[in-house]
Amino acid sequence: MPRTPHNFDECIALLNANAEPEYKAKMIHFGIDANTALGMRMPIIREIAKGIVKDQALANQLWDCGIHEAKLLATLVGDKNALTSKLLDDWVLGITSWDICDQLCANLLAISPLAEQKILEWAEREEEYVRRAGFALIVYRAVHQKKAEDESFLPYFALIEKYATDPRNFVKKAVNWALRQLGKRSLNLHAPALELSQKLMTSENSTARWIGTDAYKELSQPQRIERLRDKAARR
């Protein structure tokens, strides 16, 4: 079991001590850019983070050092209340792989007061991982912000439709993911998600057709709809 580090140097030493260089091959297999990686499994990084008090200054040091796993650790020890718009814009440009992108959104940004702002800003940006972050953040906001009103998610359907033609692998998968997750959040959001899926299925653009077809396949399942009805009835 990894011990708890108390500063940046101890964090880096602990990351190195728990590295599995041979694991880098698996990271590459899953499409992760491992050029700056030590080779570590995410559960080990989570264990290291458990005893660390939220510390944005430490998170900034970890992110800025450039080590893949240090950036992942930064997403776990950052303080959501200490984030600024400028800091997040700097951080998002330092994303070098889809796993860093998704962990940043899941662990820190989805619970940040800046989540809605960054979705709208980043989805419109051209950089592949910045745009992916915008759509991944839709996913994790839908998952983690359980008390948010369904109406606050409706503007995201226009973003999904607008960028459903982006053929870049990490973008199109995130757009598809966002559409499916919105449709699974509630019965209120299921209907517009299913409607958009059907619309995209008839698009002349092959990427949009793939996104629509894949989302429709999941969202049209009778058991999926029944679960949403049960969930709505319990409210």
C-alpha atoms as a PDB file:
ATOM      1  CA  MET A   1       0.000   0.000   0.000  1.00  0.00           C
ATOM      2  CA  PRO A   2       1.527   3.379  -0.993  1.00  0.00           C
ATOM      3  CA  ARG A   3       2.291   5.700   1.901  1.00  0.00           C
ATOM      4  CA  THR A   4       0.891   9.240   2.030  1.00  0.00           C
ATOM      5  CA  PRO A   5       3.206  11.909   0.557  1.00  0.00           C
ATOM      6  CA  HIS A   6       3.311  15.359   2.132  1.00  0.00           C
ATOM      7  CA  ASN A   7       4.883  17.518  -0.587  1.00  0.00           C
ATOM      8  CA  PHE A   8       5.735  17.596  -4.285  1.00  0.00           C
ATOM      9  CA  ASP A   9       9.085  15.785  -3.953  1.00  0.00           C
ATOM     10  CA  GLU A  10       7.518  12.984  -1.923  1.00  0.00           C
ATOM     11  CA  CYS A  11       4.724  12.660  -4.490  1.00  0.00           C
ATOM     12  CA  ILE A  12       7.195  12.264  -7.348  1.00  0.00           C
ATOM     13  CA  ALA A  13       9.322   9.820  -5.344  1.00  0.00           C
ATOM     14  CA  LEU A  14       6.243   7.728  -4.570  1.00  0.00           C
ATOM     15  CA  LEU A  15       5.088   7.739  -8.157  1.00  0.00           C
ATOM     16  CA  ASN A  16       8.495   6.512  -9.273  1.00  0.00           C
ATOM     17  CA  ALA A  17       8.593   3.872  -6.543  1.00  0.00           C
ATOM     18  CA  ASN A  18       5.264   2.407  -7.660  1.00  0.00           C
ATOM     19  CA  ALA A  19       5.898   2.603 -11.404  1.00  0.00           C
ATOM     20  CA  GLU A  20       5.629  -0.465 -13.615  1.00  0.00           C
ATOM     21  CA  PRO A  21       7.584   0.391 -16.782  1.00  0.00           C
ATOM     22  CA  GLU A  22       6.213  -2.713 -18.501  1.00  0.00           C
ATOM     23  CA  TYR A  23       2.681  -1.346 -18.013  1.00  0.00           C
ATOM     24  CA  LYS A  24       3.422   1.375 -20.553  1.00  0.00           C
ATOM     25  CA  ALA A  25       2.811  -1.145 -23.331  1.00  0.00           C
ATOM     26  CA  LYS A  26      -0.764  -1.585 -22.113  1.00  0.00           C
ATOM     27  CA  MET A  27      -1.236   2.165 -21.947  1.00  0.00           C
ATOM     28  CA  ILE A  28      -0.142   2.500 -25.567  1.00  0.00           C
ATOM     29  CA  HIS A  29      -2.479  -0.373 -26.513  1.00  0.00           C
ATOM     30  CA  PHE A  30      -5.401   1.645 -25.140  1.00  0.00           C
ATOM     31  CA  GLY A  31      -4.445   4.706 -27.146  1.00  0.00           C
ATOM     32  CA  ILE A  32      -2.748   6.581 -24.322  1.00  0.00           C
ATOM     33  CA  ASP A  33       0.237   8.768 -25.149  1.00  0.00           C
ATOM     34  CA  ALA A  34       2.858   7.270 -22.837  1.00  0.00           C
ATOM     35  CA  ASN A  35       5.819   9.413 -23.890  1.00  0.00           C
ATOM     36  CA  THR A  36       6.009  11.064 -20.474  1.00  0.00           C
ATOM     37  CA  ALA A  37       4.559   8.139 -18.513  1.00  0.00           C
ATOM     38  CA  LEU A  38       6.182   6.134 -15.755  1.00  0.00           C
ATOM     39  CA  GLY A  39       3.742   3.266 -16.200  1.00  0.00           C
ATOM     40  CA  MET A  40       1.136   3.206 -13.422  1.00  0.00           C
ATOM     41  CA  ARG A  41      -2.343   1.852 -12.939  1.00  0.00           C
ATOM     42  CA  MET A  42      -5.000   4.397 -11.974  1.00  0.00           C
ATOM     43  CA  PRO A  43      -6.048   2.546  -8.773  1.00  0.00           C
ATOM     44  CA  ILE A  44      -2.497   2.960  -7.414  1.00  0.00           C
ATOM     45  CA  ILE A  45      -2.585   6.693  -8.170  1.00  0.00           C
ATOM     46  CA  ARG A  46      -5.921   6.908  -6.354  1.00  0.00           C
ATOM     47  CA  GLU A  47      -4.411   5.159  -3.333  1.00  0.00           C
ATOM     48  CA  ILE A  48      -1.583   7.700  -3.246  1.00  0.00           C
ATOM     49  CA  ALA A  49      -4.103  10.552  -3.434  1.00  0.00           C
ATOM     50  CA  LYS A  50      -6.319   9.255  -0.620  1.00  0.00           C
ATOM     51  CA  GLY A  51      -4.378  10.733   2.258  1.00  0.00           C
ATOM     52  CA  ILE A  52      -3.529  14.041   0.606  1.00  0.00           C
ATOM     53  CA  VAL A  53      -5.521  17.075   1.727  1.00  0.00           C
ATOM     54  CA  LYS A  54      -6.890  19.037  -1.237  1.00  0.00           C
ATOM     55  CA  ASP A  55      -4.085  21.412  -2.185  1.00  0.00           C
ATOM     56  CA  GLN A  56      -4.249  23.439  -5.391  1.00  0.00           C
ATOM     57  CA  ALA A  57      -0.663  24.669  -5.078  1.00  0.00           C
ATOM     58  CA  LEU A  58       0.539  21.065  -4.965  1.00  0.00           C
ATOM     59  CA  ALA A  59      -1.774  20.170  -7.851  1.00  0.00           C
ATOM     60  CA  ASN A  60      -0.249  22.974  -9.924  1.00  0.00           C
ATOM     61  CA  GLN A  61       3.263  21.666  -9.256  1.00  0.00           C
ATOM     62  CA  LEU A  62       2.246  18.156 -10.215  1.00  0.00           C
ATOM     63  CA  TRP A  63       0.531  19.306 -13.415  1.00  0.00           C
ATOM     64  CA  ASP A  64       3.385  21.557 -14.468  1.00  0.00           C
ATOM     65  CA  CYS A  65       6.122  18.939 -14.010  1.00  0.00           C
ATOM     66  CA  GLY A  66       4.945  17.161 -17.164  1.00  0.00           C
ATOM     67  CA  ILE A  67       4.911  13.552 -15.912  1.00  0.00           C
ATOM     68  CA  HIS A  68       1.801  11.732 -17.115  1.00  0.00           C
ATOM     69  CA  GLU A  69       0.943  10.178 -13.758  1.00  0.00           C
ATOM     70  CA  ALA A  70       1.688  13.419 -11.909  1.00  0.00           C
ATOM     71  CA  LYS A  71      -1.007  15.109 -13.985  1.00  0.00           C
ATOM     72  CA  LEU A  72      -3.427  12.326 -13.105  1.00  0.00           C
ATOM     73  CA  LEU A  73      -2.570  12.788  -9.425  1.00  0.00           C
ATOM     74  CA  ALA A  74      -3.094  16.543  -9.795  1.00  0.00           C
ATOM     75  CA  THR A  75      -6.712  15.926 -10.859  1.00  0.00           C
ATOM     76  CA  LEU A  76      -7.275  14.096  -7.563  1.00  0.00           C
ATOM     77  CA  VAL A  77      -5.632  16.558  -5.168  1.00  0.00           C
ATOM     78  CA  GLY A  78      -6.760  19.833  -6.780  1.00  0.00           C
ATOM     79  CA  ASP A  79      -9.227  22.035  -4.925  1.00  0.00           C
ATOM     80  CA  LYS A  80     -12.385  22.744  -6.933  1.00  0.00           C
ATOM     81  CA  ASN A  81     -12.964  25.966  -5.007  1.00  0.00           C
ATOM     82  CA  ALA A  82      -9.486  27.297  -5.810  1.00  0.00           C
ATOM     83  CA  LEU A  83      -9.792  26.888  -9.575  1.00  0.00           C
ATOM     84  CA  THR A  84      -9.892  29.923 -11.839  1.00  0.00           C
ATOM     85  CA  SER A  85     -10.955  30.222 -15.444  1.00  0.00           C
ATOM     86  CA  LYS A  86      -7.429  31.153 -16.522  1.00  0.00           C
ATOM     87  CA  LEU A  87      -5.887  28.228 -14.655  1.00  0.00           C
ATOM     88  CA  LEU A  88      -8.249  25.778 -16.311  1.00  0.00           C
ATOM     89  CA  ASP A  89      -7.542  27.259 -19.731  1.00  0.00           C
ATOM     90  CA  ASP A  90      -3.825  26.770 -19.062  1.00  0.00           C
ATOM     91  CA  TRP A  91      -4.337  23.239 -17.803  1.00  0.00           C
ATOM     92  CA  VAL A  92      -6.495  22.116 -20.704  1.00  0.00           C
ATOM     93  CA  LEU A  93      -3.719  23.027 -23.137  1.00  0.00           C
ATOM     94  CA  GLY A  94      -1.434  20.678 -21.182  1.00  0.00           C
ATOM     95  CA  ILE A  95      -3.609  17.630 -21.863  1.00  0.00           C
ATOM     96  CA  THR A  96      -1.606  15.113 -23.877  1.00  0.00           C
ATOM     97  CA  SER A  97      -3.862  12.047 -23.735  1.00  0.00           C
ATOM     98  CA  TRP A  98      -7.527  11.097 -23.481  1.00  0.00           C
ATOM     99  CA  ASP A  99      -7.157   9.577 -20.006  1.00  0.00           C
ATOM    100  CA  ILE A 100      -5.755  12.806 -18.553  1.00  0.00           C
ATOM    101  CA  CYS A 101      -8.614  14.676 -20.228  1.00  0.00           C
ATOM    102  CA  ASP A 102     -11.291  12.397 -18.797  1.00  0.00           C
ATOM    103  CA  GLN A 103      -9.789  12.164 -15.304  1.00  0.00           C
ATOM    104  CA  LEU A 104      -9.520  15.951 -15.125  1.00  0.00           C
ATOM    105  CA  CYS A 105     -13.185  16.294 -16.025  1.00  0.00           C
ATOM    106  CA  ALA A 106     -14.373  13.467 -13.776  1.00  0.00           C
ATOM    107  CA  ASN A 107     -12.301  14.128 -10.676  1.00  0.00           C
ATOM    108  CA  LEU A 108     -12.191  17.893 -10.520  1.00  0.00           C
ATOM    109  CA  LEU A 109     -14.026  19.925 -13.134  1.00  0.00           C
ATOM    110  CA  ALA A 110     -17.459  18.265 -13.034  1.00  0.00           C
ATOM    111  CA  ILE A 111     -17.868  19.353  -9.412  1.00  0.00           C
ATOM    112  CA  SER A 112     -16.394  22.807 -10.015  1.00  0.00           C
ATOM    113  CA  PRO A 113     -18.537  25.962 -10.129  1.00  0.00           C
ATOM    114  CA  LEU A 114     -16.868  26.622 -13.498  1.00  0.00           C
ATOM    115  CA  ALA A 115     -18.161  23.439 -15.157  1.00  0.00           C
ATOM    116  CA  GLU A 116     -20.994  24.978 -17.160  1.00  0.00           C
ATOM    117  CA  GLN A 117     -18.841  27.864 -18.373  1.00  0.00           C
ATOM    118  CA  LYS A 118     -16.046  25.584 -19.542  1.00  0.00           C
ATOM    119  CA  ILE A 119     -18.386  23.228 -21.382  1.00  0.00           C
ATOM    120  CA  LEU A 120     -19.667  26.090 -23.517  1.00  0.00           C
ATOM    121  CA  GLU A 121     -16.192  27.526 -24.099  1.00  0.00           C
ATOM    122  CA  TRP A 122     -14.209  24.371 -24.719  1.00  0.00           C
ATOM    123  CA  ALA A 123     -16.684  22.610 -26.987  1.00  0.00           C
ATOM    124  CA  GLU A 124     -16.279  25.511 -29.391  1.00  0.00           C
ATOM    125  CA  ARG A 125     -12.469  25.326 -29.387  1.00  0.00           C
ATOM    126  CA  GLU A 126     -10.673  23.646 -32.282  1.00  0.00           C
ATOM    127  CA  GLU A 127      -7.921  21.788 -30.370  1.00  0.00           C
ATOM    128  CA  GLU A 128      -8.773  18.072 -30.206  1.00  0.00           C
ATOM    129  CA  TYR A 129      -8.316  17.512 -26.478  1.00  0.00           C
ATOM    130  CA  VAL A 130      -9.846  20.867 -25.562  1.00  0.00           C
ATOM    131  CA  ARG A 131     -12.998  20.040 -27.510  1.00  0.00           C
ATOM    132  CA  ARG A 132     -13.012  16.522 -26.060  1.00  0.00           C
ATOM    133  CA  ALA A 133     -12.791  18.049 -22.585  1.00  0.00           C
ATOM    134  CA  GLY A 134     -15.887  20.125 -23.310  1.00  0.00           C
ATOM    135  CA  PHE A 135     -17.921  17.058 -24.226  1.00  0.00           C
ATOM    136  CA  ALA A 136     -16.422  14.812 -21.534  1.00  0.00           C
ATOM    137  CA  LEU A 137     -17.405  17.489 -19.052  1.00  0.00           C
ATOM    138  CA  ILE A 138     -21.014  17.224 -20.251  1.00  0.00           C
ATOM    139  CA  VAL A 139     -20.852  13.518 -19.437  1.00  0.00           C
ATOM    140  CA  TYR A 140     -19.446  13.941 -15.960  1.00  0.00           C
ATOM    141  CA  ARG A 141     -21.636  16.901 -15.110  1.00  0.00           C
ATOM    142  CA  ALA A 142     -24.651  14.745 -16.038  1.00  0.00           C
ATOM    143  CA  VAL A 143     -23.339  11.989 -13.766  1.00  0.00           C
ATOM    144  CA  HIS A 144     -22.145  13.987 -10.755  1.00  0.00           C
ATOM    145  CA  GLN A 145     -24.460  16.987 -10.560  1.00  0.00           C
ATOM    146  CA  LYS A 146     -27.489  14.947  -9.592  1.00  0.00           C
ATOM    147  CA  LYS A 147     -29.427  17.910  -8.184  1.00  0.00           C
ATOM    148  CA  ALA A 148     -29.034  20.051 -11.306  1.00  0.00           C
ATOM    149  CA  GLU A 149     -32.260  20.761 -13.186  1.00  0.00           C
ATOM    150  CA  ASP A 150     -32.698  18.862 -16.454  1.00  0.00           C
ATOM    151  CA  GLU A 151     -33.311  22.169 -18.232  1.00  0.00           C
ATOM    152  CA  SER A 152     -29.699  23.187 -17.621  1.00  0.00           C
ATOM    153  CA  PHE A 153     -28.564  20.326 -19.883  1.00  0.00           C
ATOM    154  CA  LEU A 154     -30.795  21.176 -22.846  1.00  0.00           C
ATOM    155  CA  PRO A 155     -28.345  23.659 -24.485  1.00  0.00           C
ATOM    156  CA  TYR A 156     -25.834  20.842 -24.878  1.00  0.00           C
ATOM    157  CA  PHE A 157     -27.899  19.161 -27.574  1.00  0.00           C
ATOM    158  CA  ALA A 158     -27.154  22.058 -29.937  1.00  0.00           C
ATOM    159  CA  LEU A 159     -23.432  21.628 -29.254  1.00  0.00           C
ATOM    160  CA  ILE A 160     -23.678  17.900 -29.912  1.00  0.00           C
ATOM    161  CA  GLU A 161     -25.446  18.463 -33.221  1.00  0.00           C
ATOM    162  CA  LYS A 162     -22.989  21.185 -34.235  1.00  0.00           C
ATOM    163  CA  TYR A 163     -19.891  19.075 -33.651  1.00  0.00           C
ATOM    164  CA  ALA A 164     -21.230  15.647 -34.582  1.00  0.00           C
ATOM    165  CA  THR A 165     -19.377  16.055 -37.880  1.00  0.00           C
ATOM    166  CA  ASP A 166     -15.926  16.350 -36.263  1.00  0.00           C
ATOM    167  CA  PRO A 167     -14.222  13.140 -37.456  1.00  0.00           C
ATOM    168  CA  ARG A 168     -11.312  13.170 -35.011  1.00  0.00           C
ATOM    169  CA  ASN A 169     -11.366   9.983 -32.968  1.00  0.00           C
ATOM    170  CA  PHE A 170     -11.226  11.470 -29.482  1.00  0.00           C
ATOM    171  CA  VAL A 171     -13.793  14.118 -30.340  1.00  0.00           C
ATOM    172  CA  LYS A 172     -16.386  11.968 -32.067  1.00  0.00           C
ATOM    173  CA  LYS A 173     -16.280   9.396 -29.262  1.00  0.00           C
ATOM    174  CA  ALA A 174     -16.792  12.135 -26.670  1.00  0.00           C
ATOM    175  CA  VAL A 175     -19.693  13.674 -28.631  1.00  0.00           C
ATOM    176  CA  ASN A 176     -21.326  10.251 -28.877  1.00  0.00           C
ATOM    177  CA  TRP A 177     -20.681   9.630 -25.174  1.00  0.00           C
ATOM    178  CA  ALA A 178     -22.266  12.965 -24.228  1.00  0.00           C
ATOM    179  CA  LEU A 179     -25.384  12.242 -26.294  1.00  0.00           C
ATOM    180  CA  ARG A 180     -25.812   8.813 -24.731  1.00  0.00           C
ATOM    181  CA  GLN A 181     -25.207  10.040 -21.183  1.00  0.00           C
ATOM    182  CA  LEU A 182     -27.720  12.861 -21.478  1.00  0.00           C
ATOM    183  CA  GLY A 183     -30.277  10.397 -22.756  1.00  0.00           C
ATOM    184  CA  LYS A 184     -29.646   8.131 -19.786  1.00  0.00           C
ATOM    185  CA  ARG A 185     -29.840  10.876 -17.161  1.00  0.00           C
ATOM    186  CA  SER A 186     -33.626  11.250 -17.058  1.00  0.00           C
ATOM    187  CA  LEU A 187     -36.842  10.644 -18.918  1.00  0.00           C
ATOM    188  CA  ASN A 188     -37.038  14.379 -19.659  1.00  0.00           C
ATOM    189  CA  LEU A 189     -33.677  14.311 -21.444  1.00  0.00           C
ATOM    190  CA  HIS A 190     -34.200  10.924 -23.054  1.00  0.00           C
ATOM    191  CA  ALA A 191     -36.735  12.231 -25.559  1.00  0.00           C
ATOM    192  CA  PRO A 192     -34.565  15.009 -27.058  1.00  0.00           C
ATOM    193  CA  ALA A 193     -31.536  12.696 -27.013  1.00  0.00           C
ATOM    194  CA  LEU A 194     -33.406  10.016 -28.921  1.00  0.00           C
ATOM    195  CA  GLU A 195     -34.785  12.604 -31.350  1.00  0.00           C
ATOM    196  CA  LEU A 196     -31.313  13.984 -32.047  1.00  0.00           C
ATOM    197  CA  SER A 197     -29.939  10.454 -32.473  1.00  0.00           C
ATOM    198  CA  GLN A 198     -32.540   9.746 -35.142  1.00  0.00           C
ATOM    199  CA  LYS A 199     -31.775  13.035 -36.881  1.00  0.00           C
ATOM    200  CA  LEU A 200     -28.050  12.321 -36.959  1.00  0.00           C
ATOM    201  CA  MET A 201     -28.714   8.841 -38.350  1.00  0.00           C
ATOM    202  CA  THR A 202     -29.984  10.435 -41.557  1.00  0.00           C
ATOM    203  CA  SER A 203     -27.095  12.880 -41.928  1.00  0.00           C
ATOM    204  CA  GLU A 204     -25.021  12.954 -45.097  1.00  0.00           C
ATOM    205  CA  ASN A 205     -21.928  13.060 -42.878  1.00  0.00           C
ATOM    206  CA  SER A 206     -20.534   9.628 -41.973  1.00  0.00           C
ATOM    207  CA  THR A 207     -19.301  10.685 -38.519  1.00  0.00           C
ATOM    208  CA  ALA A 208     -22.680  12.141 -37.581  1.00  0.00           C
ATOM    209  CA  ARG A 209     -24.406   8.966 -38.830  1.00  0.00           C
ATOM    210  CA  TRP A 210     -22.128   6.812 -36.695  1.00  0.00           C
ATOM    211  CA  ILE A 211     -22.774   8.941 -33.599  1.00  0.00           C
ATOM    212  CA  GLY A 212     -26.526   8.879 -34.160  1.00  0.00           C
ATOM    213  CA  THR A 213     -26.728   5.175 -34.928  1.00  0.00           C
ATOM    214  CA  ASP A 214     -24.634   4.141 -31.947  1.00  0.00           C
ATOM    215  CA  ALA A 215     -26.542   6.408 -29.542  1.00  0.00           C
ATOM    216  CA  TYR A 216     -29.938   5.297 -30.881  1.00  0.00           C
ATOM    217  CA  LYS A 217     -28.997   1.649 -30.443  1.00  0.00           C
ATOM    218  CA  GLU A 218     -28.483   2.183 -26.708  1.00  0.00           C
ATOM    219  CA  LEU A 219     -31.168   4.750 -25.992  1.00  0.00           C
ATOM    220  CA  SER A 220     -33.953   2.873 -27.798  1.00  0.00           C
ATOM    221  CA  GLN A 221     -33.546  -0.292 -25.729  1.00  0.00           C
ATOM    222  CA  PRO A 222     -36.865  -1.068 -23.973  1.00  0.00           C
ATOM    223  CA  GLN A 223     -35.111  -1.911 -20.702  1.00  0.00           C
ATOM    224  CA  ARG A 224     -33.332   1.449 -20.773  1.00  0.00           C
ATOM    225  CA  ILE A 225     -36.618   3.313 -21.207  1.00  0.00           C
ATOM    226  CA  GLU A 226     -38.277   1.249 -18.468  1.00  0.00           C
ATOM    227  CA  ARG A 227     -35.485   2.092 -16.010  1.00  0.00           C
ATOM    228  CA  LEU A 228     -35.934   5.780 -16.748  1.00  0.00           C
ATOM    229  CA  ARG A 229     -39.679   5.508 -16.187  1.00  0.00           C
ATOM    230  CA  ASP A 230     -39.102   3.760 -12.866  1.00  0.00           C
ATOM    231  CA  LYS A 231     -36.622   6.444 -11.861  1.00  0.00           C
ATOM    232  CA  ALA A 232     -39.110   9.198 -12.750  1.00  0.00           C
ATOM    233  CA  ALA A 233     -41.894   7.471 -10.791  1.00  0.00           C
ATOM    234  CA  ARG A 234     -39.728   7.344  -7.648  1.00  0.00           C
ATOM    235  CA  ARG A 235     -39.210  11.111  -7.604  1.00  0.00           C
END
